[in-house]
Protein backbone atom coordinates (compact mmCIF):
# COMPACT_ATOMS: atom_id res chain seq x y z
CA MET A 1 0.00 0.00 0.00
CA ALA A 2 2.85 2.38 0.81
CA ASP A 3 4.14 2.13 -2.76
CA GLU A 4 0.68 2.83 -4.20
CA VAL A 5 0.07 6.03 -2.24
CA ALA A 6 3.66 7.36 -2.11
CA PRO A 7 3.18 9.53 -5.23
CA PHE A 8 0.47 11.42 -3.33
CA GLY A 9 2.78 12.21 -0.40
CA ILE A 10 1.01 9.74 1.87
CA GLN A 11 3.03 7.62 4.26
CA VAL A 12 1.76 4.32 5.59
CA THR A 13 2.43 2.60 8.88
CA ALA A 14 1.03 -0.86 9.55
CA VAL A 15 0.86 -2.27 13.06
CA GLY A 16 0.21 -5.98 13.41
CA PRO A 17 0.10 -6.89 17.10
CA SER A 18 0.31 -10.48 18.18
CA GLY A 19 -2.30 -12.22 20.29
CA VAL A 20 -3.81 -10.27 23.14
CA ARG A 21 -5.18 -11.87 26.28
CA THR A 22 -8.63 -10.55 27.19
CA ASP A 23 -11.51 -11.59 29.39
CA PHE A 24 -13.92 -11.50 26.44
CA LEU A 25 -15.41 -14.94 27.16
CA ASP A 26 -15.04 -14.70 30.92
CA GLU A 27 -18.19 -14.70 33.02
CA ARG A 28 -17.12 -11.31 34.41
CA SER A 29 -17.46 -9.63 31.04
CA MET A 30 -20.08 -11.68 29.19
CA LYS A 31 -23.66 -11.07 30.21
CA ARG A 32 -26.38 -13.38 28.95
CA PRO A 33 -29.99 -12.22 28.68
CA GLN A 34 -32.73 -13.77 30.79
CA LYS A 35 -35.02 -14.09 27.76
CA GLN A 36 -33.39 -15.91 24.86
CA LEU A 37 -34.75 -15.35 21.36
CA PRO A 38 -34.89 -18.34 18.99
CA GLU A 39 -33.33 -16.21 16.23
CA TYR A 40 -30.04 -16.23 18.16
CA GLN A 41 -29.79 -20.01 18.61
CA VAL A 42 -26.73 -20.18 16.35
CA VAL A 43 -25.00 -17.57 18.53
CA ARG A 44 -25.74 -19.58 21.68
CA GLN A 45 -24.38 -22.72 20.04
CA THR A 46 -21.21 -20.90 19.01
CA MET A 47 -20.69 -19.45 22.48
CA ALA A 48 -21.30 -22.86 24.07
CA GLY A 49 -18.63 -24.32 21.79
CA LEU A 50 -16.18 -21.64 22.86
CA ALA A 51 -16.86 -22.30 26.53
């Protein structure tokens, strides 16, 4: 990309961090609704697989 935009005076910096540890799937950060809609069954199945 840097080569493509260089003629326009644009500089490019790309940052590619490695893996980052988060609490995304931790019970402290994930809240589940009391009422579960059938339209989101595939989401529940995916989340169950990740647990």
